[in-house]
Amino acid sequence: MDLHRFLDQAGGVLALVSLTATVVWGLVAADRLALGPRGRLLAQAVHRALAAGALGFLLVHVGVKVAEAHASTTAALIPFASGIGGRAGLIGLGSLAGYLLVLAAATGVLRSVFAGRGRAAARRWRVLHASAYGAWCTALLHGLNAGREAAEWVTGCYVGCLVGVALALVLRRFGVPQLLRLVVRRRPVGAHAAGRMPQSRPFTVSQGLRPRTPAPQTPEGLNASRGRAELT
């Protein structure tokens, strides 16, 4: 298989896998509980590198499909320009996913512009950068339904993308420490885990007949005892 044919068949899959990895590493980099400052910096660097790779594979995918006349230039550049139903609608979803990916990447590059301008600016940045989730969803729908029938390895890539993003969302929502606490709480510990109850010490007759040690008395108590003895 030559390179052109490989890119024609796998360019979109590589773009989706790169986008999925970008989303996953973005969720990992945002976790302040599981990662320290150095770990977050490393995760952000990986996140940005994967985003650049996703943009590169997107350009290759669009260029190959237009060159092979699988889609017109207008349909590739303008979402739903050829229609909203059937294959034209699926191509429109792919075009929309591309623009959402570009928006997410642009806001990632311009993050310093929004930083230090209050909570409102940070909230707007999060909303704009969250377009990566929309890009991932629309790209997944586009890849599953547009084009030729997917091969087994392509289907495996789609399943891996779904599992990866779902797992990253769960970890982002609950956090690694909280998930560990939930697992520990649900696991029985000690003697109950082995199905045994702790055995109590056997009671002996000698213990029951053991004389009690009298408590020490104060001088007033001694005088009162003597007075009662004299009265008897």
Protein backbone atom coordinates (compact mmCIF):
# COMPACT_ATOMS: atom_id res chain seq x y z
CA MET A 1 0.00 0.00 0.00
CA ASP A 2 1.46 3.35 -1.05
CA LEU A 3 1.40 6.45 1.14
CA HIS A 4 -1.35 8.19 -0.82
CA ARG A 5 -3.74 5.26 -0.49
CA PHE A 6 -2.90 4.88 3.19
CA LEU A 7 -3.66 8.53 3.89
CA ASP A 8 -6.86 8.27 1.90
CA GLN A 9 -8.07 5.39 4.06
CA ALA A 10 -6.53 6.25 7.42
CA GLY A 11 -6.06 10.03 7.44
CA GLY A 12 -9.41 10.66 9.10
CA VAL A 13 -8.87 7.87 11.63
CA LEU A 14 -5.47 9.29 12.59
CA ALA A 15 -7.04 12.73 12.99
CA LEU A 16 -9.74 11.30 15.27
CA VAL A 17 -7.23 9.30 17.34
CA SER A 18 -5.03 12.39 17.72
CA LEU A 19 -8.05 14.48 18.71
CA THR A 20 -9.07 11.83 21.25
CA ALA A 21 -5.60 11.78 22.77
CA THR A 22 -5.68 15.58 22.89
CA VAL A 23 -8.96 15.57 24.81
CA VAL A 24 -7.75 12.88 27.22
CA TRP A 25 -4.49 14.64 27.99
CA GLY A 26 -6.34 17.92 28.38
CA LEU A 27 -8.51 16.34 31.06
CA VAL A 28 -5.44 14.84 32.73
CA ALA A 29 -3.61 18.17 32.71
CA ALA A 30 -6.57 19.86 34.41
CA ASP A 31 -6.49 17.50 37.41
CA ARG A 32 -4.85 19.39 40.29
CA LEU A 33 -5.31 16.57 42.81
CA ALA A 34 -3.55 13.76 40.96
CA LEU A 35 -0.69 15.81 39.43
CA GLY A 36 1.78 18.20 40.91
CA PRO A 37 3.00 21.37 39.17
CA ARG A 38 5.68 19.56 37.15
CA GLY A 39 3.31 16.78 36.17
CA ARG A 40 0.72 19.27 34.97
CA LEU A 41 3.31 21.13 32.90
CA LEU A 42 4.36 17.87 31.25
CA ALA A 43 0.73 16.88 30.61
CA GLN A 44 0.01 20.30 29.08
CA ALA A 45 3.02 19.96 26.78
CA VAL A 46 1.80 16.55 25.60
CA HIS A 47 -1.70 17.99 25.19
CA ARG A 48 -0.46 20.78 22.92
CA ALA A 49 1.75 18.48 20.87
CA LEU A 50 -1.16 16.12 20.26
CA ALA A 51 -3.37 19.06 19.28
CA ALA A 52 -0.79 20.10 16.67
CA GLY A 53 -0.75 16.53 15.38
CA ALA A 54 -4.55 16.47 15.17
CA LEU A 55 -4.53 19.68 13.12
CA GLY A 56 -1.90 18.23 10.82
CA PHE A 57 -3.82 15.02 10.21
CA LEU A 58 -6.99 17.09 9.67
CA LEU A 59 -5.33 19.09 6.90
CA VAL A 60 -4.01 15.90 5.30
CA HIS A 61 -7.43 14.25 5.51
CA VAL A 62 -9.24 17.20 3.93
CA GLY A 63 -6.59 17.66 1.24
CA VAL A 64 -6.64 14.00 0.22
CA LYS A 65 -10.44 13.79 0.10
CA VAL A 66 -10.68 16.93 -2.04
CA ALA A 67 -7.87 15.72 -4.33
CA GLU A 68 -9.59 12.35 -4.78
CA ALA A 69 -12.91 14.13 -5.54
CA HIS A 70 -14.61 12.43 -2.59
CA ALA A 71 -15.77 15.88 -1.49
CA SER A 72 -15.89 19.26 -3.17
CA THR A 73 -13.88 22.21 -1.95
CA THR A 74 -17.08 24.05 -1.05
CA ALA A 75 -18.40 21.14 1.01
CA ALA A 76 -15.05 20.77 2.78
CA LEU A 77 -14.75 24.44 3.69
CA ILE A 78 -18.37 25.42 4.34
CA PRO A 79 -20.31 23.14 6.72
CA PHE A 80 -23.53 21.74 5.23
CA ALA A 81 -23.05 23.69 2.00
CA SER A 82 -24.11 20.63 0.00
CA GLY A 83 -27.08 19.78 2.22
CA ILE A 84 -27.95 18.48 5.65
CA GLY A 85 -29.19 15.01 4.78
CA GLY A 86 -27.46 11.81 3.77
CA ARG A 87 -23.80 11.79 2.86
CA ALA A 88 -23.75 15.57 2.36
CA GLY A 89 -24.82 16.04 5.98
CA LEU A 90 -22.10 13.69 7.18
CA ILE A 91 -19.50 15.65 5.25
CA GLY A 92 -20.93 18.79 6.83
CA LEU A 93 -20.39 17.23 10.26
CA GLY A 94 -16.76 16.60 9.39
CA SER A 95 -16.31 20.19 8.23
CA LEU A 96 -17.93 21.47 11.42
CA ALA A 97 -15.66 19.24 13.52
CA GLY A 98 -12.65 20.75 11.78
CA TYR A 99 -13.69 24.32 12.62
CA LEU A 100 -14.41 23.39 16.22
CA LEU A 101 -10.97 21.82 16.47
CA VAL A 102 -9.37 24.97 15.06
CA LEU A 103 -11.31 27.08 17.58
CA ALA A 104 -10.16 24.90 20.48
CA ALA A 105 -6.55 25.06 19.30
CA ALA A 106 -6.69 28.84 18.84
CA THR A 107 -8.07 29.40 22.33
CA GLY A 108 -5.35 27.13 23.71
CA VAL A 109 -2.67 29.26 22.04
CA LEU A 110 -4.34 32.49 23.23
CA ARG A 111 -4.85 31.34 26.80
CA SER A 112 -2.48 33.99 28.13
CA VAL A 113 -4.76 36.67 26.68
CA PHE A 114 -7.62 35.54 28.93
CA ALA A 115 -5.41 34.90 31.99
CA GLY A 116 -5.34 37.50 34.75
CA ARG A 117 -8.54 39.26 33.64
CA GLY A 118 -10.94 38.00 36.24
CA ARG A 119 -13.28 35.06 36.55
CA ALA A 120 -15.52 36.20 33.70
CA ALA A 121 -12.66 36.03 31.19
CA ALA A 122 -11.58 32.64 32.52
CA ARG A 123 -15.15 31.39 32.19
CA ARG A 124 -15.35 32.57 28.58
CA TRP A 125 -12.07 30.87 27.82
CA ARG A 126 -13.33 27.57 29.23
CA VAL A 127 -16.51 27.79 27.17
CA LEU A 128 -14.58 28.47 23.97
CA HIS A 129 -11.94 25.84 24.67
CA ALA A 130 -14.67 23.29 25.42
CA SER A 131 -15.40 23.32 21.69
CA ALA A 132 -12.90 20.45 21.59
CA TYR A 133 -15.63 18.20 23.02
CA GLY A 134 -18.00 19.23 20.24
CA ALA A 135 -15.26 18.61 17.69
CA TRP A 136 -14.68 15.13 19.08
CA CYS A 137 -18.37 14.19 19.06
CA THR A 138 -19.04 15.44 15.54
CA ALA A 139 -15.82 13.89 14.24
CA LEU A 140 -16.83 10.55 15.73
CA LEU A 141 -20.25 10.69 14.07
CA HIS A 142 -18.63 11.71 10.81
CA GLY A 143 -16.10 8.89 10.93
CA LEU A 144 -18.59 6.19 11.86
CA ASN A 145 -21.06 6.94 9.06
CA ALA A 146 -19.25 8.71 6.22
CA GLY A 147 -17.17 6.97 3.62
CA ARG A 148 -16.55 3.28 3.10
CA GLU A 149 -17.32 0.47 5.50
CA ALA A 150 -14.90 0.58 8.40
CA ALA A 151 -12.29 -2.15 8.75
CA GLU A 152 -11.85 -4.06 11.99
CA TRP A 153 -8.83 -2.06 13.10
CA VAL A 154 -10.72 1.17 12.40
CA THR A 155 -13.65 -0.02 14.50
CA GLY A 156 -11.19 -0.92 17.24
CA CYS A 157 -9.79 2.61 17.11
CA TYR A 158 -13.29 4.07 17.46
CA VAL A 159 -14.02 1.84 20.46
CA GLY A 160 -10.70 2.80 22.02
CA CYS A 161 -11.52 6.48 21.52
CA LEU A 162 -14.88 6.07 23.28
CA VAL A 163 -13.38 4.15 26.19
CA GLY A 164 -10.48 6.57 26.58
CA VAL A 165 -12.62 9.69 26.71
CA ALA A 166 -15.19 8.06 29.01
CA LEU A 167 -12.48 6.96 31.44
CA ALA A 168 -10.84 10.39 31.37
CA LEU A 169 -14.19 12.06 32.09
CA VAL A 170 -14.81 9.76 35.06
CA LEU A 171 -11.37 10.49 36.48
CA ARG A 172 -11.86 14.21 35.87
CA ARG A 173 -15.26 14.19 37.54
CA PHE A 174 -14.41 12.20 40.64
CA GLY A 175 -10.63 12.41 40.80
CA VAL A 176 -8.18 9.63 41.50
CA PRO A 177 -8.09 10.10 45.31
CA GLN A 178 -11.89 10.05 45.59
CA LEU A 179 -12.18 6.96 43.40
CA LEU A 180 -9.61 5.19 45.56
CA ARG A 181 -11.58 6.11 48.67
CA LEU A 182 -14.76 4.73 47.13
CA VAL A 183 -13.03 1.46 46.25
CA VAL A 184 -11.57 1.12 49.73
CA ARG A 185 -14.92 1.81 51.37
CA ARG A 186 -16.65 -0.88 49.33
CA ARG A 187 -14.00 -3.50 50.04
CA PRO A 188 -14.42 -5.33 53.37
CA VAL A 189 -11.37 -5.25 55.56
CA GLY A 190 -10.06 -7.18 58.54
CA ALA A 191 -11.75 -10.31 59.81
CA HIS A 192 -14.97 -9.51 57.92
CA ALA A 193 -13.09 -9.75 54.56
CA ALA A 194 -12.15 -13.36 55.29
CA GLY A 195 -15.65 -14.25 56.47
CA ARG A 196 -14.52 -14.67 60.08
CA MET A 197 -15.59 -12.84 63.19
CA PRO A 198 -13.02 -12.06 65.86
CA GLN A 199 -13.16 -14.69 68.60
CA SER A 200 -13.69 -13.56 72.18
CA ARG A 201 -11.59 -14.90 75.02
CA PRO A 202 -13.13 -17.88 76.82
CA PHE A 203 -14.64 -17.12 80.23
CA THR A 204 -13.24 -19.25 83.05
CA VAL A 205 -14.61 -19.95 86.51
CA SER A 206 -11.47 -18.59 88.06
CA GLN A 207 -12.09 -15.24 86.41
CA GLY A 208 -15.64 -15.14 87.75
CA LEU A 209 -14.53 -16.07 91.31
CA ARG A 210 -11.51 -13.79 91.35
CA PRO A 211 -11.79 -11.56 94.44
CA ARG A 212 -12.11 -7.89 93.86
CA THR A 213 -9.42 -5.60 95.19
CA PRO A 214 -10.98 -3.16 97.67
CA ALA A 215 -10.68 0.47 96.79
CA PRO A 216 -8.46 2.58 99.04
CA GLN A 217 -10.37 4.51 101.71
CA THR A 218 -9.84 8.03 102.95
CA PRO A 219 -9.35 8.83 106.65
CA GLU A 220 -12.97 9.97 106.88
CA GLY A 221 -14.07 6.63 105.45
CA LEU A 222 -11.95 4.75 108.01
CA ASN A 223 -13.46 6.74 110.91
CA ALA A 224 -16.96 6.03 109.64
CA SER A 225 -16.18 2.31 109.39
CA ARG A 226 -14.88 2.30 112.98
CA GLY A 227 -18.00 4.11 114.17
CA ARG A 228 -20.24 1.52 112.56
CA ALA A 229 -18.13 -1.26 114.10
CA GLU A 230 -18.44 0.25 117.56
CA LEU A 231 -22.22 0.58 117.18
CA THR A 232 -22.49 -3.12 116.37
